[in-house]
Amino acid sequence: FTAASGAGGSGESYNGSLIQGTQDAPVGLQVGFIQGATTIKKTNLNFPAGTFKIRFKAAQRYFNQHYLSMKMKVDGGTKLTFTPSSLAYEQFETSPFTVTAGNHEILFLGVNPYGDDNSILLDEIIVTY
């Protein structure tokens, strides 16, 4: 996933960093993060035609002033709107969606109505067929 847009920051963070503090990644050494109303995305994902779900883990960052919400989109269409309820990683999953064969885009968008420094950490993003 790459940082895509918005004011603030988004990208990858490593265990022990300022972004994560003591919230280590559930798997591996890094997580994706979205700060404020920014995005991260993965483009040119080659899918066969079919029906899929996307499952992932998300947590609020340890020094948020408010809880950040997010939208998870595929090819611009919102597949899930979610708000992690704590600092602990929770599992989320989209409803099944259908795509044609070819390249597609997955995007996570921060929804930050308060405008202050709020972030979500993301890990274990898995596409199931």
Protein backbone atom coordinates (compact mmCIF):
# COMPACT_ATOMS: atom_id res chain seq x y z
CA PHE A 1 0.00 0.00 0.00
CA THR A 2 1.19 3.50 -0.74
CA ALA A 3 0.27 6.89 0.64
CA ALA A 4 -2.14 8.48 -1.79
CA SER A 5 -3.54 11.84 -0.72
CA GLY A 6 -4.76 14.21 1.95
CA ALA A 7 -3.47 16.52 4.64
CA GLY A 8 -1.65 14.78 7.47
CA GLY A 9 0.07 11.52 6.79
CA SER A 10 -0.39 7.95 5.74
CA GLY A 11 1.90 5.10 4.86
CA GLU A 12 3.80 2.38 6.72
CA SER A 13 4.95 2.39 10.33
CA TYR A 14 7.28 0.02 12.18
CA ASN A 15 7.02 -1.47 15.67
CA GLY A 16 8.33 0.98 18.28
CA SER A 17 7.94 4.03 16.03
CA LEU A 18 6.35 7.31 17.08
CA ILE A 19 3.19 6.40 15.12
CA GLN A 20 2.72 3.00 16.79
CA GLY A 21 4.21 3.54 20.24
CA THR A 22 3.74 0.20 22.04
CA GLN A 23 1.03 -1.05 19.62
CA ASP A 24 3.09 -3.66 17.80
CA ALA A 25 1.82 -5.15 14.56
CA PRO A 26 -0.28 -8.30 15.07
CA VAL A 27 1.78 -9.99 12.33
CA GLY A 28 5.27 -8.97 11.29
CA LEU A 29 7.03 -5.71 12.10
CA GLN A 30 5.00 -3.04 10.30
CA VAL A 31 1.47 -1.76 9.78
CA GLY A 32 -0.24 0.64 7.43
CA PHE A 33 -1.54 3.83 8.99
CA ILE A 34 -3.93 6.57 8.03
CA GLN A 35 -3.76 9.91 9.82
CA GLY A 36 -6.76 12.21 9.51
CA ALA A 37 -8.56 12.44 6.18
CA THR A 38 -5.79 10.79 4.16
CA THR A 39 -5.71 7.60 2.11
CA ILE A 40 -3.55 4.61 1.35
CA LYS A 41 -4.17 2.44 -1.67
CA LYS A 42 -2.97 -0.54 -3.64
CA THR A 43 -3.43 -0.31 -7.39
CA ASN A 44 -3.06 -2.74 -10.26
CA LEU A 45 -4.22 -5.74 -8.24
CA ASN A 46 -4.94 -8.40 -10.84
CA PHE A 47 -8.14 -10.23 -9.87
CA PRO A 48 -9.80 -13.06 -11.77
CA ALA A 49 -13.52 -12.51 -12.38
CA GLY A 50 -15.46 -13.54 -9.31
CA THR A 51 -16.83 -12.70 -5.88
CA PHE A 52 -14.46 -11.63 -3.10
CA LYS A 53 -14.29 -10.38 0.48
CA ILE A 54 -11.53 -8.34 2.10
CA ARG A 55 -10.62 -9.02 5.73
CA PHE A 56 -8.23 -6.94 7.83
CA LYS A 57 -7.35 -5.84 11.35
CA ALA A 58 -7.52 -2.23 12.54
CA ALA A 59 -6.96 -0.31 15.78
CA GLN A 60 -7.11 3.30 16.94
CA ARG A 61 -3.68 4.87 17.54
CA TYR A 62 -2.69 5.28 21.19
CA PHE A 63 -2.85 9.10 21.44
CA ASN A 64 -5.85 9.95 19.27
CA GLN A 65 -7.93 12.90 20.44
CA HIS A 66 -11.06 11.35 18.88
CA TYR A 67 -11.80 8.01 17.22
CA LEU A 68 -11.17 8.06 13.50
CA SER A 69 -13.55 6.27 11.13
CA MET A 70 -12.61 4.82 7.76
CA LYS A 71 -14.07 3.76 4.45
CA MET A 72 -12.64 0.80 2.57
CA LYS A 73 -13.24 1.10 -1.18
CA VAL A 74 -12.74 -1.11 -4.20
CA ASP A 75 -12.57 0.69 -7.55
CA GLY A 76 -14.12 3.79 -5.95
CA GLY A 77 -17.15 2.02 -4.47
CA THR A 78 -17.41 1.89 -0.67
CA LYS A 79 -17.45 -1.72 0.55
CA LEU A 80 -17.24 -1.02 4.31
CA THR A 81 -17.36 1.95 6.69
CA PHE A 82 -15.89 1.16 10.10
CA THR A 83 -14.61 2.63 13.36
CA PRO A 84 -12.27 0.53 15.51
CA SER A 85 -13.51 0.77 19.10
CA SER A 86 -10.20 0.58 20.96
CA LEU A 87 -6.41 0.40 20.86
CA ALA A 88 -6.64 -3.39 20.44
CA TYR A 89 -6.67 -4.71 16.89
CA GLU A 90 -10.15 -5.83 15.79
CA GLN A 91 -11.01 -7.86 12.71
CA PHE A 92 -13.25 -6.35 10.01
CA GLU A 93 -14.60 -7.91 6.81
CA THR A 94 -16.46 -6.59 3.80
CA SER A 95 -19.62 -8.12 2.44
CA PRO A 96 -19.03 -10.17 -0.72
CA PHE A 97 -18.51 -8.08 -3.87
CA THR A 98 -18.08 -9.06 -7.51
CA VAL A 99 -15.45 -7.80 -9.95
CA THR A 100 -14.54 -8.49 -13.54
CA ALA A 101 -11.17 -9.99 -14.47
CA GLY A 102 -8.38 -7.43 -14.56
CA ASN A 103 -6.68 -4.74 -12.50
CA HIS A 104 -8.47 -3.22 -9.52
CA GLU A 105 -7.74 -0.76 -6.69
CA ILE A 106 -8.22 -1.11 -2.91
CA LEU A 107 -8.28 2.17 -0.99
CA PHE A 108 -8.62 3.03 2.71
CA LEU A 109 -9.90 6.58 3.40
CA GLY A 110 -9.83 8.32 6.79
CA VAL A 111 -13.06 10.06 7.84
CA ASN A 112 -12.03 12.75 10.33
CA PRO A 113 -14.90 15.16 11.13
CA TYR A 114 -12.99 16.65 14.09
CA GLY A 115 -9.97 17.70 12.04
CA ASP A 116 -7.44 16.91 14.75
CA ASP A 117 -4.63 14.37 14.98
CA ASN A 118 -6.33 10.96 14.77
CA SER A 119 -5.00 7.78 13.16
CA ILE A 120 -5.90 4.16 12.50
CA LEU A 121 -3.39 1.31 12.23
CA LEU A 122 -4.09 -1.47 9.68
CA ASP A 123 -2.63 -4.97 9.37
CA GLU A 124 -3.29 -8.43 7.88
CA ILE A 125 -5.19 -7.22 4.81
CA ILE A 126 -6.37 -10.39 3.08
CA VAL A 127 -8.47 -10.82 -0.06
CA THR A 128 -10.52 -14.04 -0.04
CA TYR A 129 -12.13 -15.66 -3.10
